[in-house]
Amino acid sequence: QNSKEKSYRLTIFVLSVILLACVMFSGFQSVYIFK
């Protein structure tokens, strides 16, 4: 049960990192297009 919780938390963490990277990339792209 603890292993499942750790795996679930790791998945959430990875997805959060990916989502944050996408948001940052979109932001940089918007700034570039604006310039």
PDB file of all heavy atoms in Angstrom:
ATOM      1  N   GLN A   1       0.837  -1.209   0.000  1.00  0.00           N
ATOM      2  CA  GLN A   1       0.000   0.000   0.000  1.00  0.00           C
ATOM      3  C   GLN A   1       0.861   1.242   0.000  1.00  0.00           C
ATOM      4  O   GLN A   1       0.604   2.204  -0.732  1.00  0.00           O
ATOM      5  CB  GLN A   1      -0.912  -0.023   1.238  1.00  0.00           C
ATOM      6  CG  GLN A   1      -1.887   1.157   1.268  1.00  0.00           C
ATOM      7  CD  GLN A   1      -2.859   1.029   2.423  1.00  0.00           C
ATOM      8  OE1 GLN A   1      -2.867   0.032   3.133  1.00  0.00           O
ATOM      9  NE2 GLN A   1      -3.676   2.043   2.607  1.00  0.00           N
ATOM     10  N   ASN A   2       1.960   1.229   0.821  1.00  0.00           N
ATOM     11  CA  ASN A   2       2.889   2.375   0.817  1.00  0.00           C
ATOM     12  C   ASN A   2       3.563   2.543  -0.535  1.00  0.00           C
ATOM     13  O   ASN A   2       3.804   3.656  -0.999  1.00  0.00           O
ATOM     14  CB  ASN A   2       3.938   2.179   1.919  1.00  0.00           C
ATOM     15  CG  ASN A   2       3.342   2.304   3.320  1.00  0.00           C
ATOM     16  OD1 ASN A   2       2.286   2.908   3.475  1.00  0.00           O
ATOM     17  ND2 ASN A   2       4.015   1.715   4.319  1.00  0.00           N
ATOM     18  N   SER A   3       3.904   1.421  -1.190  1.00  0.00           N
ATOM     19  CA  SER A   3       4.546   1.493  -2.520  1.00  0.00           C
ATOM     20  C   SER A   3       3.606   2.137  -3.537  1.00  0.00           C
ATOM     21  O   SER A   3       4.001   2.940  -4.382  1.00  0.00           O
ATOM     22  CB  SER A   3       4.937   0.082  -2.994  1.00  0.00           C
ATOM     23  OG  SER A   3       5.866  -0.484  -2.107  1.00  0.00           O
ATOM     24  N   LYS A   4       2.354   1.797  -3.435  1.00  0.00           N
ATOM     25  CA  LYS A   4       1.375   2.388  -4.357  1.00  0.00           C
ATOM     26  C   LYS A   4       1.264   3.880  -4.129  1.00  0.00           C
ATOM     27  O   LYS A   4       1.172   4.677  -5.061  1.00  0.00           O
ATOM     28  CB  LYS A   4       0.006   1.722  -4.163  1.00  0.00           C
ATOM     29  CG  LYS A   4      -0.048   0.291  -4.670  1.00  0.00           C
ATOM     30  CD  LYS A   4      -1.433  -0.291  -4.455  1.00  0.00           C
ATOM     31  CE  LYS A   4      -1.486  -1.724  -4.943  1.00  0.00           C
ATOM     32  NZ  LYS A   4      -2.825  -2.327  -4.722  1.00  0.00           N
ATOM     33  N   GLU A   5       1.275   4.285  -2.844  1.00  0.00           N
ATOM     34  CA  GLU A   5       1.177   5.717  -2.537  1.00  0.00           C
ATOM     35  C   GLU A   5       2.381   6.464  -3.067  1.00  0.00           C
ATOM     36  O   GLU A   5       2.267   7.568  -3.643  1.00  0.00           O
ATOM     37  CB  GLU A   5       1.060   5.901  -1.017  1.00  0.00           C
ATOM     38  CG  GLU A   5      -0.271   5.432  -0.443  1.00  0.00           C
ATOM     39  CD  GLU A   5      -0.327   5.574   1.080  1.00  0.00           C
ATOM     40  OE1 GLU A   5       0.704   5.998   1.652  1.00  0.00           O
ATOM     41  OE2 GLU A   5      -1.376   5.288   1.644  1.00  0.00           O
ATOM     42  N   LYS A   6       3.601   5.858  -2.872  1.00  0.00           N
ATOM     43  CA  LYS A   6       4.813   6.505  -3.377  1.00  0.00           C
ATOM     44  C   LYS A   6       4.787   6.617  -4.901  1.00  0.00           C
ATOM     45  O   LYS A   6       5.162   7.638  -5.477  1.00  0.00           O
ATOM     46  CB  LYS A   6       6.038   5.721  -2.922  1.00  0.00           C
ATOM     47  CG  LYS A   6       6.337   5.842  -1.433  1.00  0.00           C
ATOM     48  CD  LYS A   6       7.577   5.057  -1.072  1.00  0.00           C
ATOM     49  CE  LYS A   6       7.878   5.173   0.420  1.00  0.00           C
ATOM     50  NZ  LYS A   6       9.096   4.389   0.790  1.00  0.00           N
ATOM     51  N   SER A   7       4.348   5.552  -5.555  1.00  0.00           N
ATOM     52  CA  SER A   7       4.266   5.569  -7.023  1.00  0.00           C
ATOM     53  C   SER A   7       3.282   6.626  -7.496  1.00  0.00           C
ATOM     54  O   SER A   7       3.526   7.361  -8.460  1.00  0.00           O
ATOM     55  CB  SER A   7       3.856   4.186  -7.535  1.00  0.00           C
ATOM     56  OG  SER A   7       3.702   4.207  -8.929  1.00  0.00           O
ATOM     57  N   TYR A   8       2.160   6.729  -6.795  1.00  0.00           N
ATOM     58  CA  TYR A   8       1.143   7.718  -7.160  1.00  0.00           C
ATOM     59  C   TYR A   8       1.678   9.133  -6.994  1.00  0.00           C
ATOM     60  O   TYR A   8       1.504  10.002  -7.840  1.00  0.00           O
ATOM     61  CB  TYR A   8      -0.092   7.508  -6.284  1.00  0.00           C
ATOM     62  CG  TYR A   8      -1.183   8.513  -6.499  1.00  0.00           C
ATOM     63  CD1 TYR A   8      -2.007   8.455  -7.605  1.00  0.00           C
ATOM     64  CD2 TYR A   8      -1.372   9.564  -5.578  1.00  0.00           C
ATOM     65  CE1 TYR A   8      -3.006   9.386  -7.798  1.00  0.00           C
ATOM     66  CE2 TYR A   8      -2.359  10.493  -5.778  1.00  0.00           C
ATOM     67  CZ  TYR A   8      -3.169  10.411  -6.890  1.00  0.00           C
ATOM     68  OH  TYR A   8      -4.152  11.328  -7.089  1.00  0.00           O
ATOM     69  N   ARG A   9       2.385   9.357  -5.857  1.00  0.00           N
ATOM     70  CA  ARG A   9       2.955  10.688  -5.612  1.00  0.00           C
ATOM     71  C   ARG A   9       4.016  11.043  -6.654  1.00  0.00           C
ATOM     72  O   ARG A   9       4.123  12.177  -7.109  1.00  0.00           O
ATOM     73  CB  ARG A   9       3.556  10.738  -4.207  1.00  0.00           C
ATOM     74  CG  ARG A   9       2.513  10.716  -3.095  1.00  0.00           C
ATOM     75  CD  ARG A   9       3.175  10.621  -1.744  1.00  0.00           C
ATOM     76  NE  ARG A   9       2.179  10.558  -0.666  1.00  0.00           N
ATOM     77  CZ  ARG A   9       2.478  10.347   0.598  1.00  0.00           C
ATOM     78  NH1 ARG A   9       3.757  10.149   0.963  1.00  0.00           N
ATOM     79  NH2 ARG A   9       1.520  10.306   1.506  1.00  0.00           N
ATOM     80  N   LEU A  10       4.824  10.042  -7.026  1.00  0.00           N
ATOM     81  CA  LEU A  10       5.857  10.280  -8.044  1.00  0.00           C
ATOM     82  C   LEU A  10       5.232  10.655  -9.391  1.00  0.00           C
ATOM     83  O   LEU A  10       5.695  11.557 -10.088  1.00  0.00           O
ATOM     84  CB  LEU A  10       6.729   9.026  -8.201  1.00  0.00           C
ATOM     85  CG  LEU A  10       7.862   9.129  -9.238  1.00  0.00           C
ATOM     86  CD1 LEU A  10       8.833  10.254  -8.856  1.00  0.00           C
ATOM     87  CD2 LEU A  10       8.596   7.797  -9.347  1.00  0.00           C
ATOM     88  N   THR A  11       4.147   9.959  -9.726  1.00  0.00           N
ATOM     89  CA  THR A  11       3.451  10.259 -10.991  1.00  0.00           C
ATOM     90  C   THR A  11       2.899  11.674 -10.983  1.00  0.00           C
ATOM     91  O   THR A  11       3.008  12.422 -11.961  1.00  0.00           O
ATOM     92  CB  THR A  11       2.308   9.258 -11.220  1.00  0.00           C
ATOM     93  OG1 THR A  11       2.842   7.940 -11.246  1.00  0.00           O
ATOM     94  CG2 THR A  11       1.591   9.544 -12.545  1.00  0.00           C
ATOM     95  N   ILE A  12       2.284  12.054  -9.835  1.00  0.00           N
ATOM     96  CA  ILE A  12       1.752  13.409  -9.705  1.00  0.00           C
ATOM     97  C   ILE A  12       2.863  14.433  -9.846  1.00  0.00           C
ATOM     98  O   ILE A  12       2.724  15.467 -10.512  1.00  0.00           O
ATOM     99  CB  ILE A  12       1.025  13.576  -8.357  1.00  0.00           C
ATOM    100  CG1 ILE A  12      -0.227  12.693  -8.314  1.00  0.00           C
ATOM    101  CG2 ILE A  12       0.645  15.038  -8.134  1.00  0.00           C
ATOM    102  CD1 ILE A  12      -1.264  13.042  -9.351  1.00  0.00           C
ATOM    103  N   PHE A  13       4.001  14.153  -9.240  1.00  0.00           N
ATOM    104  CA  PHE A  13       5.141  15.085  -9.301  1.00  0.00           C
ATOM    105  C   PHE A  13       5.645  15.248 -10.738  1.00  0.00           C
ATOM    106  O   PHE A  13       5.878  16.354 -11.216  1.00  0.00           O
ATOM    107  CB  PHE A  13       6.270  14.568  -8.403  1.00  0.00           C
ATOM    108  CG  PHE A  13       7.527  15.381  -8.485  1.00  0.00           C
ATOM    109  CD1 PHE A  13       7.630  16.606  -7.832  1.00  0.00           C
ATOM    110  CD2 PHE A  13       8.604  14.933  -9.243  1.00  0.00           C
ATOM    111  CE1 PHE A  13       8.774  17.367  -7.924  1.00  0.00           C
ATOM    112  CE2 PHE A  13       9.766  15.697  -9.343  1.00  0.00           C
ATOM    113  CZ  PHE A  13       9.852  16.919  -8.694  1.00  0.00           C
ATOM    114  N   VAL A  14       5.808  14.138 -11.448  1.00  0.00           N
ATOM    115  CA  VAL A  14       6.290  14.188 -12.836  1.00  0.00           C
ATOM    116  C   VAL A  14       5.318  14.963 -13.728  1.00  0.00           C
ATOM    117  O   VAL A  14       5.705  15.810 -14.543  1.00  0.00           O
ATOM    118  CB  VAL A  14       6.517  12.769 -13.394  1.00  0.00           C
ATOM    119  CG1 VAL A  14       6.819  12.813 -14.896  1.00  0.00           C
ATOM    120  CG2 VAL A  14       7.658  12.085 -12.644  1.00  0.00           C
ATOM    121  N   LEU A  15       4.027  14.675 -13.575  1.00  0.00           N
ATOM    122  CA  LEU A  15       3.024  15.380 -14.373  1.00  0.00           C
ATOM    123  C   LEU A  15       3.032  16.870 -14.066  1.00  0.00           C
ATOM    124  O   LEU A  15       2.871  17.716 -14.963  1.00  0.00           O
ATOM    125  CB  LEU A  15       1.636  14.793 -14.101  1.00  0.00           C
ATOM    126  CG  LEU A  15       1.394  13.375 -14.633  1.00  0.00           C
ATOM    127  CD1 LEU A  15       0.010  12.868 -14.200  1.00  0.00           C
ATOM    128  CD2 LEU A  15       1.496  13.360 -16.161  1.00  0.00           C
ATOM    129  N   SER A  16       3.232  17.222 -12.794  1.00  0.00           N
ATOM    130  CA  SER A  16       3.275  18.628 -12.404  1.00  0.00           C
ATOM    131  C   SER A  16       4.458  19.339 -13.055  1.00  0.00           C
ATOM    132  O   SER A  16       4.353  20.465 -13.541  1.00  0.00           O
ATOM    133  CB  SER A  16       3.339  18.761 -10.879  1.00  0.00           C
ATOM    134  OG  SER A  16       2.215  18.183 -10.267  1.00  0.00           O
ATOM    135  N   VAL A  17       5.611  18.643 -13.063  1.00  0.00           N
ATOM    136  CA  VAL A  17       6.807  19.224 -13.693  1.00  0.00           C
ATOM    137  C   VAL A  17       6.584  19.449 -15.178  1.00  0.00           C
ATOM    138  O   VAL A  17       6.914  20.493 -15.744  1.00  0.00           O
ATOM    139  CB  VAL A  17       8.036  18.317 -13.453  1.00  0.00           C
ATOM    140  CG1 VAL A  17       9.215  18.785 -14.300  1.00  0.00           C
ATOM    141  CG2 VAL A  17       8.408  18.312 -11.976  1.00  0.00           C
ATOM    142  N   ILE A  18       5.985  18.436 -15.842  1.00  0.00           N
ATOM    143  CA  ILE A  18       5.708  18.557 -17.283  1.00  0.00           C
ATOM    144  C   ILE A  18       4.752  19.710 -17.552  1.00  0.00           C
ATOM    145  O   ILE A  18       4.923  20.507 -18.480  1.00  0.00           O
ATOM    146  CB  ILE A  18       5.137  17.233 -17.835  1.00  0.00           C
ATOM    147  CG1 ILE A  18       6.207  16.137 -17.751  1.00  0.00           C
ATOM    148  CG2 ILE A  18       4.654  17.415 -19.269  1.00  0.00           C
ATOM    149  CD1 ILE A  18       5.692  14.764 -18.138  1.00  0.00           C
ATOM    150  N   LEU A  19       3.681  19.798 -16.733  1.00  0.00           N
ATOM    151  CA  LEU A  19       2.705  20.873 -16.911  1.00  0.00           C
ATOM    152  C   LEU A  19       3.349  22.234 -16.714  1.00  0.00           C
ATOM    153  O   LEU A  19       3.122  23.173 -17.477  1.00  0.00           O
ATOM    154  CB  LEU A  19       1.551  20.686 -15.916  1.00  0.00           C
ATOM    155  CG  LEU A  19       0.441  21.740 -15.967  1.00  0.00           C
ATOM    156  CD1 LEU A  19      -0.207  21.753 -17.344  1.00  0.00           C
ATOM    157  CD2 LEU A  19      -0.602  21.475 -14.887  1.00  0.00           C
ATOM    158  N   LEU A  20       4.196  22.345 -15.687  1.00  0.00           N
ATOM    159  CA  LEU A  20       4.886  23.613 -15.436  1.00  0.00           C
ATOM    160  C   LEU A  20       5.805  23.977 -16.594  1.00  0.00           C
ATOM    161  O   LEU A  20       5.873  25.135 -17.020  1.00  0.00           O
ATOM    162  CB  LEU A  20       5.704  23.501 -14.138  1.00  0.00           C
ATOM    163  CG  LEU A  20       6.519  24.754 -13.746  1.00  0.00           C
ATOM    164  CD1 LEU A  20       5.587  25.937 -13.527  1.00  0.00           C
ATOM    165  CD2 LEU A  20       7.344  24.476 -12.490  1.00  0.00           C
ATOM    166  N   ALA A  21       6.495  22.982 -17.161  1.00  0.00           N
ATOM    167  CA  ALA A  21       7.380  23.234 -18.297  1.00  0.00           C
ATOM    168  C   ALA A  21       6.591  23.731 -19.497  1.00  0.00           C
ATOM    169  O   ALA A  21       7.015  24.649 -20.215  1.00  0.00           O
ATOM    170  CB  ALA A  21       8.150  21.955 -18.650  1.00  0.00           C
ATOM    171  N   CYS A  22       5.419  23.123 -19.721  1.00  0.00           N
ATOM    172  CA  CYS A  22       4.573  23.559 -20.849  1.00  0.00           C
ATOM    173  C   CYS A  22       4.114  24.991 -20.674  1.00  0.00           C
ATOM    174  O   CYS A  22       4.097  25.788 -21.605  1.00  0.00           O
ATOM    175  CB  CYS A  22       3.368  22.615 -20.985  1.00  0.00           C
ATOM    176  SG  CYS A  22       3.790  20.952 -21.560  1.00  0.00           S
ATOM    177  N   VAL A  23       3.710  25.308 -19.426  1.00  0.00           N
ATOM    178  CA  VAL A  23       3.248  26.674 -19.161  1.00  0.00           C
ATOM    179  C   VAL A  23       4.369  27.677 -19.389  1.00  0.00           C
ATOM    180  O   VAL A  23       4.185  28.728 -19.995  1.00  0.00           O
ATOM    181  CB  VAL A  23       2.705  26.783 -17.719  1.00  0.00           C
ATOM    182  CG1 VAL A  23       2.432  28.239 -17.359  1.00  0.00           C
ATOM    183  CG2 VAL A  23       1.442  25.953 -17.576  1.00  0.00           C
ATOM    184  N   MET A  24       5.582  27.331 -18.882  1.00  0.00           N
ATOM    185  CA  MET A  24       6.722  28.238 -19.060  1.00  0.00           C
ATOM    186  C   MET A  24       7.075  28.391 -20.531  1.00  0.00           C
ATOM    187  O   MET A  24       7.363  29.479 -21.020  1.00  0.00           O
ATOM    188  CB  MET A  24       7.926  27.698 -18.281  1.00  0.00           C
ATOM    189  CG  MET A  24       7.750  27.757 -16.763  1.00  0.00           C
ATOM    190  SD  MET A  24       9.150  27.041 -15.882  1.00  0.00           S
ATOM    191  CE  MET A  24      10.433  28.215 -16.325  1.00  0.00           C
ATOM    192  N   PHE A  25       7.050  27.291 -21.311  1.00  0.00           N
ATOM    193  CA  PHE A  25       7.361  27.363 -22.742  1.00  0.00           C
ATOM    194  C   PHE A  25       6.358  28.242 -23.477  1.00  0.00           C
ATOM    195  O   PHE A  25       6.720  29.068 -24.313  1.00  0.00           O
ATOM    196  CB  PHE A  25       7.351  25.953 -23.338  1.00  0.00           C
ATOM    197  CG  PHE A  25       7.545  25.934 -24.823  1.00  0.00           C
ATOM    198  CD1 PHE A  25       8.804  26.113 -25.372  1.00  0.00           C
ATOM    199  CD2 PHE A  25       6.469  25.769 -25.682  1.00  0.00           C
ATOM    200  CE1 PHE A  25       8.989  26.112 -26.742  1.00  0.00           C
ATOM    201  CE2 PHE A  25       6.636  25.771 -27.048  1.00  0.00           C
ATOM    202  CZ  PHE A  25       7.906  25.930 -27.575  1.00  0.00           C
ATOM    203  N   SER A  26       5.061  28.062 -23.131  1.00  0.00           N
ATOM    204  CA  SER A  26       4.028  28.886 -23.777  1.00  0.00           C
ATOM    205  C   SER A  26       4.230  30.350 -23.457  1.00  0.00           C
ATOM    206  O   SER A  26       4.057  31.225 -24.295  1.00  0.00           O
ATOM    207  CB  SER A  26       2.640  28.430 -23.318  1.00  0.00           C
ATOM    208  OG  SER A  26       2.407  27.098 -23.683  1.00  0.00           O
ATOM    209  N   GLY A  27       4.627  30.616 -22.200  1.00  0.00           N
ATOM    210  CA  GLY A  27       4.861  32.008 -21.821  1.00  0.00           C
ATOM    211  C   GLY A  27       5.998  32.617 -22.594  1.00  0.00           C
ATOM    212  O   GLY A  27       5.902  33.731 -23.116  1.00  0.00           O
ATOM    213  N   PHE A  28       7.131  31.875 -22.669  1.00  0.00           N
ATOM    214  CA  PHE A  28       8.278  32.383 -23.431  1.00  0.00           C
ATOM    215  C   PHE A  28       7.931  32.573 -24.902  1.00  0.00           C
ATOM    216  O   PHE A  28       8.337  33.538 -25.550  1.00  0.00           O
ATOM    217  CB  PHE A  28       9.463  31.420 -23.310  1.00  0.00           C
ATOM    218  CG  PHE A  28      10.111  31.422 -21.954  1.00  0.00           C
ATOM    219  CD1 PHE A  28      10.411  30.236 -21.320  1.00  0.00           C
ATOM    220  CD2 PHE A  28      10.420  32.617 -21.305  1.00  0.00           C
ATOM    221  CE1 PHE A  28      11.008  30.241 -20.069  1.00  0.00           C
ATOM    222  CE2 PHE A  28      11.007  32.631 -20.064  1.00  0.00           C
ATOM    223  CZ  PHE A  28      11.293  31.440 -19.429  1.00  0.00           C
ATOM    224  N   GLN A  29       7.153  31.624 -25.460  1.00  0.00           N
ATOM    225  CA  GLN A  29       6.758  31.720 -26.860  1.00  0.00           C
ATOM    226  C   GLN A  29       5.884  32.938 -27.098  1.00  0.00           C
ATOM    227  O   GLN A  29       6.043  33.649 -28.087  1.00  0.00           O
ATOM    228  CB  GLN A  29       6.003  30.453 -27.267  1.00  0.00           C
ATOM    229  CG  GLN A  29       5.731  30.367 -28.772  1.00  0.00           C
ATOM    230  CD  GLN A  29       4.997  29.105 -29.113  1.00  0.00           C
ATOM    231  OE1 GLN A  29       4.061  28.724 -28.420  1.00  0.00           O
ATOM    232  NE2 GLN A  29       5.400  28.448 -30.179  1.00  0.00           N
ATOM    233  N   SER A  30       4.960  33.207 -26.173  1.00  0.00           N
ATOM    234  CA  SER A  30       4.096  34.377 -26.320  1.00  0.00           C
ATOM    235  C   SER A  30       4.895  35.662 -26.296  1.00  0.00           C
ATOM    236  O   SER A  30       4.657  36.584 -27.079  1.00  0.00           O
ATOM    237  CB  SER A  30       3.046  34.392 -25.203  1.00  0.00           C
ATOM    238  OG  SER A  30       2.234  33.240 -25.264  1.00  0.00           O
ATOM    239  N   VAL A  31       5.883  35.725 -25.382  1.00  0.00           N
ATOM    240  CA  VAL A  31       6.732  36.920 -25.309  1.00  0.00           C
ATOM    241  C   VAL A  31       7.498  37.091 -26.604  1.00  0.00           C
ATOM    242  O   VAL A  31       7.625  38.181 -27.160  1.00  0.00           O
ATOM    243  CB  VAL A  31       7.694  36.829 -24.109  1.00  0.00           C
ATOM    244  CG1 VAL A  31       8.717  37.958 -24.150  1.00  0.00           C
ATOM    245  CG2 VAL A  31       6.912  36.865 -22.814  1.00  0.00           C
ATOM    246  N   TYR A  32       8.022  35.969 -27.147  1.00  0.00           N
ATOM    247  CA  TYR A  32       8.797  36.041 -28.391  1.00  0.00           C
ATOM    248  C   TYR A  32       7.943  36.530 -29.549  1.00  0.00           C
ATOM    249  O   TYR A  32       8.340  37.384 -30.339  1.00  0.00           O
ATOM    250  CB  TYR A  32       9.358  34.653 -28.701  1.00  0.00           C
ATOM    251  CG  TYR A  32      10.094  34.569 -30.012  1.00  0.00           C
ATOM    252  CD1 TYR A  32      11.325  35.182 -30.172  1.00  0.00           C
ATOM    253  CD2 TYR A  32       9.544  33.882 -31.086  1.00  0.00           C
ATOM    254  CE1 TYR A  32      11.994  35.123 -31.361  1.00  0.00           C
ATOM    255  CE2 TYR A  32      10.213  33.803 -32.285  1.00  0.00           C
ATOM    256  CZ  TYR A  32      11.442  34.426 -32.425  1.00  0.00           C
ATOM    257  OH  TYR A  32      12.095  34.367 -33.611  1.00  0.00           O
ATOM    258  N   ILE A  33       6.716  35.951 -29.668  1.00  0.00           N
ATOM    259  CA  ILE A  33       5.818  36.365 -30.740  1.00  0.00           C
ATOM    260  C   ILE A  33       5.444  37.832 -30.589  1.00  0.00           C
ATOM    261  O   ILE A  33       5.380  38.589 -31.557  1.00  0.00           O
ATOM    262  CB  ILE A  33       4.551  35.486 -30.749  1.00  0.00           C
ATOM    263  CG1 ILE A  33       4.940  34.057 -31.137  1.00  0.00           C
ATOM    264  CG2 ILE A  33       3.504  36.037 -31.698  1.00  0.00           C
ATOM    265  CD1 ILE A  33       3.807  33.058 -31.001  1.00  0.00           C
ATOM    266  N   PHE A  34       5.199  38.259 -29.348  1.00  0.00           N
ATOM    267  CA  PHE A  34       4.870  39.670 -29.123  1.00  0.00           C
ATOM    268  C   PHE A  34       6.002  40.573 -29.588  1.00  0.00           C
ATOM    269  O   PHE A  34       5.787  41.596 -30.228  1.00  0.00           O
ATOM    270  CB  PHE A  34       4.568  39.909 -27.645  1.00  0.00           C
ATOM    271  CG  PHE A  34       4.374  41.348 -27.302  1.00  0.00           C
ATOM    272  CD1 PHE A  34       3.170  41.981 -27.586  1.00  0.00           C
ATOM    273  CD2 PHE A  34       5.392  42.092 -26.721  1.00  0.00           C
ATOM    274  CE1 PHE A  34       2.991  43.320 -27.287  1.00  0.00           C
ATOM    275  CE2 PHE A  34       5.220  43.429 -26.428  1.00  0.00           C
ATOM    276  CZ  PHE A  34       4.023  44.040 -26.705  1.00  0.00           C
ATOM    277  N   LYS A  35       7.256  40.168 -29.259  1.00  0.00           N
ATOM    278  CA  LYS A  35       8.391  40.993 -29.677  1.00  0.00           C
ATOM    279  C   LYS A  35       8.530  41.010 -31.182  1.00  0.00           C
ATOM    280  O   LYS A  35       8.886  42.016 -31.787  1.00  0.00           O
ATOM    281  CB  LYS A  35       9.676  40.465 -29.036  1.00  0.00           C
ATOM    282  CG  LYS A  35       9.761  40.735 -27.535  1.00  0.00           C
ATOM    283  CD  LYS A  35      11.091  40.285 -26.953  1.00  0.00           C
ATOM    284  CE  LYS A  35      11.192  40.643 -25.479  1.00  0.00           C
ATOM    285  NZ  LYS A  35      12.484  40.204 -24.900  1.00  0.00           N
TER     286      LYS A  35
END
